[in-house]
């Protein structure tokens, strides 16, 4: 599967899970649910082996912001059980998709 196909697939899966549109996930919105969905998508893409520079380009952010999202994901999940359960479920779904 090509890199852009993986990114599009993960965004679609996260959008369906969170009921937040792809456009909102990719937006600079600071609304908590949207930020959680954005961090979730970034973490899943990173776990799938997509380079931070490629993720940054897709999200129109800096690679440093991608690194922050990945490292801060644990803190976000510690305050949101729903986010952690979504991550576990979607990680399995993404793994099956990439296999």
C-alpha atoms as a PDB file:
ATOM      1  CA  UNK A   1       0.000   0.000   0.000  1.00  0.00           C
ATOM      2  CA  UNK A   2       1.313   3.455  -0.886  1.00  0.00           C
ATOM      3  CA  UNK A   3       2.056   6.058   1.766  1.00  0.00           C
ATOM      4  CA  UNK A   4      -0.795   8.387   0.747  1.00  0.00           C
ATOM      5  CA  UNK A   5      -3.217   5.453   0.710  1.00  0.00           C
ATOM      6  CA  UNK A   6      -2.187   4.533   4.266  1.00  0.00           C
ATOM      7  CA  UNK A   7      -2.664   8.130   5.405  1.00  0.00           C
ATOM      8  CA  UNK A   8      -6.097   8.340   3.751  1.00  0.00           C
ATOM      9  CA  UNK A   9      -7.155   4.976   5.205  1.00  0.00           C
ATOM     10  CA  UNK A  10      -6.097   5.920   8.739  1.00  0.00           C
ATOM     11  CA  UNK A  11      -7.863   9.282   8.488  1.00  0.00           C
ATOM     12  CA  UNK A  12     -11.020   7.531   7.297  1.00  0.00           C
ATOM     13  CA  UNK A  13     -10.887   4.983  10.131  1.00  0.00           C
ATOM     14  CA  UNK A  14     -10.287   7.665  12.777  1.00  0.00           C
ATOM     15  CA  UNK A  15     -13.040   9.837  11.313  1.00  0.00           C
ATOM     16  CA  UNK A  16     -15.539   6.968  11.457  1.00  0.00           C
ATOM     17  CA  UNK A  17     -14.514   6.008  14.997  1.00  0.00           C
ATOM     18  CA  UNK A  18     -14.617   9.525  16.427  1.00  0.00           C
ATOM     19  CA  UNK A  19     -17.405  10.924  14.221  1.00  0.00           C
ATOM     20  CA  UNK A  20     -15.146  13.875  13.449  1.00  0.00           C
ATOM     21  CA  UNK A  21     -14.686  14.741   9.791  1.00  0.00           C
ATOM     22  CA  UNK A  22     -11.374  14.401   7.996  1.00  0.00           C
ATOM     23  CA  UNK A  23     -11.383  18.164   7.416  1.00  0.00           C
ATOM     24  CA  UNK A  24     -11.753  18.835  11.140  1.00  0.00           C
ATOM     25  CA  UNK A  25      -8.971  16.370  12.003  1.00  0.00           C
ATOM     26  CA  UNK A  26      -6.654  18.132   9.561  1.00  0.00           C
ATOM     27  CA  UNK A  27      -7.712  21.603  10.749  1.00  0.00           C
ATOM     28  CA  UNK A  28      -5.815  23.674  13.337  1.00  0.00           C
ATOM     29  CA  UNK A  29      -8.829  23.526  15.691  1.00  0.00           C
ATOM     30  CA  UNK A  30      -8.064  23.423  19.415  1.00  0.00           C
ATOM     31  CA  UNK A  31     -11.358  21.780  20.436  1.00  0.00           C
ATOM     32  CA  UNK A  32     -10.471  18.850  22.711  1.00  0.00           C
ATOM     33  CA  UNK A  33     -12.318  16.134  20.774  1.00  0.00           C
ATOM     34  CA  UNK A  34     -10.763  17.266  17.507  1.00  0.00           C
ATOM     35  CA  UNK A  35      -7.276  17.438  19.035  1.00  0.00           C
ATOM     36  CA  UNK A  36      -7.764  13.925  20.464  1.00  0.00           C
ATOM     37  CA  UNK A  37      -8.770  12.647  17.009  1.00  0.00           C
ATOM     38  CA  UNK A  38      -5.769  14.394  15.433  1.00  0.00           C
ATOM     39  CA  UNK A  39      -3.360  12.913  18.005  1.00  0.00           C
ATOM     40  CA  UNK A  40      -4.956   9.487  17.491  1.00  0.00           C
ATOM     41  CA  UNK A  41      -4.466   9.665  13.720  1.00  0.00           C
ATOM     42  CA  UNK A  42      -0.878  10.882  14.076  1.00  0.00           C
ATOM     43  CA  UNK A  43      -0.023   8.122  16.572  1.00  0.00           C
ATOM     44  CA  UNK A  44      -1.550   5.420  14.366  1.00  0.00           C
ATOM     45  CA  UNK A  45       0.348   6.693  11.319  1.00  0.00           C
ATOM     46  CA  UNK A  46       3.588   6.831  13.288  1.00  0.00           C
ATOM     47  CA  UNK A  47       3.004   3.281  14.559  1.00  0.00           C
ATOM     48  CA  UNK A  48       2.392   2.190  10.955  1.00  0.00           C
ATOM     49  CA  UNK A  49       5.910   3.331  10.088  1.00  0.00           C
ATOM     50  CA  UNK A  50       5.095   6.596   8.326  1.00  0.00           C
ATOM     51  CA  UNK A  51       7.912   9.108   8.804  1.00  0.00           C
ATOM     52  CA  UNK A  52       7.150  12.238  10.847  1.00  0.00           C
ATOM     53  CA  UNK A  53       8.007  14.435   7.842  1.00  0.00           C
ATOM     54  CA  UNK A  54       5.352  12.680   5.743  1.00  0.00           C
ATOM     55  CA  UNK A  55       2.781  12.933   8.515  1.00  0.00           C
ATOM     56  CA  UNK A  56       3.639  16.616   8.962  1.00  0.00           C
ATOM     57  CA  UNK A  57       3.127  17.269   5.262  1.00  0.00           C
ATOM     58  CA  UNK A  58      -0.292  15.555   5.276  1.00  0.00           C
ATOM     59  CA  UNK A  59      -1.426  17.486   8.379  1.00  0.00           C
ATOM     60  CA  UNK A  60       0.226  20.775   7.317  1.00  0.00           C
ATOM     61  CA  UNK A  61       2.226  20.944  10.554  1.00  0.00           C
ATOM     62  CA  UNK A  62       5.922  20.707  11.409  1.00  0.00           C
ATOM     63  CA  UNK A  63       7.715  17.401  12.029  1.00  0.00           C
ATOM     64  CA  UNK A  64       8.413  18.696  15.529  1.00  0.00           C
ATOM     65  CA  UNK A  65       4.650  18.979  16.109  1.00  0.00           C
ATOM     66  CA  UNK A  66       4.293  15.363  14.996  1.00  0.00           C
ATOM     67  CA  UNK A  67       6.959  14.356  17.503  1.00  0.00           C
ATOM     68  CA  UNK A  68       5.137  16.245  20.228  1.00  0.00           C
ATOM     69  CA  UNK A  69       1.822  14.552  19.361  1.00  0.00           C
ATOM     70  CA  UNK A  70       3.455  11.120  19.499  1.00  0.00           C
ATOM     71  CA  UNK A  71       5.210  11.714  22.820  1.00  0.00           C
ATOM     72  CA  UNK A  72       2.231  13.501  24.420  1.00  0.00           C
ATOM     73  CA  UNK A  73      -0.201  10.786  23.341  1.00  0.00           C
ATOM     74  CA  UNK A  74       0.427   8.798  26.521  1.00  0.00           C
ATOM     75  CA  UNK A  75      -0.484  11.787  28.669  1.00  0.00           C
ATOM     76  CA  UNK A  76      -3.691  12.332  26.690  1.00  0.00           C
ATOM     77  CA  UNK A  77      -4.713   8.689  27.035  1.00  0.00           C
ATOM     78  CA  UNK A  78      -4.092   8.760  30.777  1.00  0.00           C
ATOM     79  CA  UNK A  79      -6.860  11.346  31.101  1.00  0.00           C
ATOM     80  CA  UNK A  80      -9.238   9.708  28.610  1.00  0.00           C
ATOM     81  CA  UNK A  81     -10.148   6.029  28.791  1.00  0.00           C
ATOM     82  CA  UNK A  82     -12.245   6.438  25.655  1.00  0.00           C
ATOM     83  CA  UNK A  83      -9.207   7.630  23.708  1.00  0.00           C
ATOM     84  CA  UNK A  84      -7.141   4.669  24.935  1.00  0.00           C
ATOM     85  CA  UNK A  85      -9.821   2.129  24.028  1.00  0.00           C
ATOM     86  CA  UNK A  86     -10.219   3.722  20.595  1.00  0.00           C
ATOM     87  CA  UNK A  87      -6.458   3.585  20.089  1.00  0.00           C
ATOM     88  CA  UNK A  88      -6.250  -0.112  20.974  1.00  0.00           C
ATOM     89  CA  UNK A  89      -9.166  -1.005  18.710  1.00  0.00           C
ATOM     90  CA  UNK A  90      -7.950   1.095  15.781  1.00  0.00           C
ATOM     91  CA  UNK A  91      -4.364  -0.091  16.124  1.00  0.00           C
ATOM     92  CA  UNK A  92      -5.577  -3.652  15.509  1.00  0.00           C
ATOM     93  CA  UNK A  93      -7.711  -2.493  12.585  1.00  0.00           C
ATOM     94  CA  UNK A  94      -4.783  -0.600  11.050  1.00  0.00           C
ATOM     95  CA  UNK A  95      -2.460  -3.571  11.521  1.00  0.00           C
ATOM     96  CA  UNK A  96      -4.924  -5.800   9.680  1.00  0.00           C
ATOM     97  CA  UNK A  97      -5.254  -3.194   6.946  1.00  0.00           C
ATOM     98  CA  UNK A  98      -1.498  -3.006   6.405  1.00  0.00           C
ATOM     99  CA  UNK A  99      -0.892  -6.755   6.529  1.00  0.00           C
END
